[in-house]
C-alpha cells in the first residue's frame, strides 16, 4: 500500500485517474485500514480543483465520502 500511495502522491496531477479509480483507491485504503493522510489530501486537492463533479456518478461520490469517513480523514474544503 505504501508504494502505491507514494507513487500517487508523487504524480504531478491525477488527471489520468477516472473518478471510479480515485474512489476505488481511497476506498481500498480505508477498507484495509491503511492510513495515509498525504494520499487522502492529494485526492481531496484534486477533487476540489475540478470545475464540477459531472464525471462522478453517485456510486463514485458515495464510495469517496465513505472512504474519507472510515479513514477519519477530513478536508473542510471538500465537505462544505
Protein backbone atom coordinates (compact mmCIF):
# COMPACT_ATOMS: atom_id res chain seq x y z
CA UNK A 1 0.00 0.00 0.00
CA UNK A 2 2.78 2.41 0.87
CA UNK A 3 4.47 2.02 -2.50
CA UNK A 4 1.20 2.70 -4.34
CA UNK A 5 0.40 5.71 -2.16
CA UNK A 6 3.89 7.13 -2.57
CA UNK A 7 3.64 6.79 -6.35
CA UNK A 8 0.25 8.55 -6.48
CA UNK A 9 1.44 11.31 -4.14
CA UNK A 10 4.49 11.95 -6.33
CA UNK A 11 2.42 12.34 -9.50
CA UNK A 12 2.17 15.92 -10.72
CA UNK A 13 -1.59 15.60 -11.10
CA UNK A 14 -4.32 13.00 -11.06
CA UNK A 15 -5.91 13.76 -14.45
CA UNK A 16 -5.15 10.23 -15.64
CA UNK A 17 -7.40 8.84 -12.90
CA UNK A 18 -11.06 8.41 -13.67
CA UNK A 19 -13.46 9.14 -10.81
CA UNK A 20 -14.03 5.43 -10.19
CA UNK A 21 -10.28 4.83 -9.92
CA UNK A 22 -9.94 7.61 -7.35
CA UNK A 23 -12.91 6.32 -5.38
CA UNK A 24 -11.63 2.74 -5.51
CA UNK A 25 -8.17 3.79 -4.39
CA UNK A 26 -9.25 5.69 -1.28
CA UNK A 27 -11.91 3.03 -0.59
CA UNK A 28 -9.29 0.27 -0.62
CA UNK A 29 -7.04 2.17 1.78
CA UNK A 30 -9.93 2.84 4.15
CA UNK A 31 -11.35 -0.70 3.92
CA UNK A 32 -8.00 -2.24 4.84
CA UNK A 33 -7.35 0.40 7.50
CA UNK A 34 -4.21 1.62 5.75
CA UNK A 35 -3.62 5.18 6.85
CA UNK A 36 -2.04 7.66 4.51
CA UNK A 37 -3.10 11.27 5.11
CA UNK A 38 -0.94 12.53 2.24
CA UNK A 39 -2.78 10.29 -0.23
CA UNK A 40 -6.18 11.44 1.02
CA UNK A 41 -5.04 15.06 0.84
CA UNK A 42 -3.82 14.58 -2.74
CA UNK A 43 -7.18 13.12 -3.77
CA UNK A 44 -9.11 15.84 -1.92
CA UNK A 45 -7.00 18.59 -3.51
CA UNK A 46 -7.64 17.12 -6.96
CA UNK A 47 -11.40 16.85 -6.47
CA UNK A 48 -11.59 20.38 -5.04
CA UNK A 49 -9.73 21.76 -8.07
CA UNK A 50 -12.23 20.28 -10.54
CA UNK A 51 -14.66 22.71 -12.16
CA UNK A 52 -17.52 20.32 -11.44
CA UNK A 53 -18.22 16.73 -10.50
CA UNK A 54 -20.20 15.76 -13.60
CA UNK A 55 -17.95 12.75 -14.26
CA UNK A 56 -18.59 11.34 -10.79
CA UNK A 57 -21.60 9.02 -10.68
CA UNK A 58 -23.38 8.70 -7.33
CA UNK A 59 -21.50 5.46 -6.54
CA UNK A 60 -18.12 7.21 -7.01
CA UNK A 61 -19.19 10.02 -4.71
CA UNK A 62 -20.59 7.74 -2.03
CA UNK A 63 -17.51 5.48 -2.06
CA UNK A 64 -15.24 8.51 -1.79
CA UNK A 65 -17.19 10.02 1.09
CA UNK A 66 -17.35 6.65 2.86
CA UNK A 67 -13.58 6.20 2.48
CA UNK A 68 -12.80 9.62 3.95
CA UNK A 69 -15.16 8.96 6.86
CA UNK A 70 -13.86 5.44 7.53
CA UNK A 71 -10.24 6.62 7.37
CA UNK A 72 -11.12 9.54 9.63
CA UNK A 73 -9.73 11.92 7.03
CA UNK A 74 -11.45 15.22 6.53
CA UNK A 75 -10.99 18.29 4.40
CA UNK A 76 -13.29 21.20 5.16
CA UNK A 77 -12.96 22.43 1.56
CA UNK A 78 -14.15 19.08 0.21
CA UNK A 79 -17.06 18.60 2.59
CA UNK A 80 -18.63 22.07 2.62
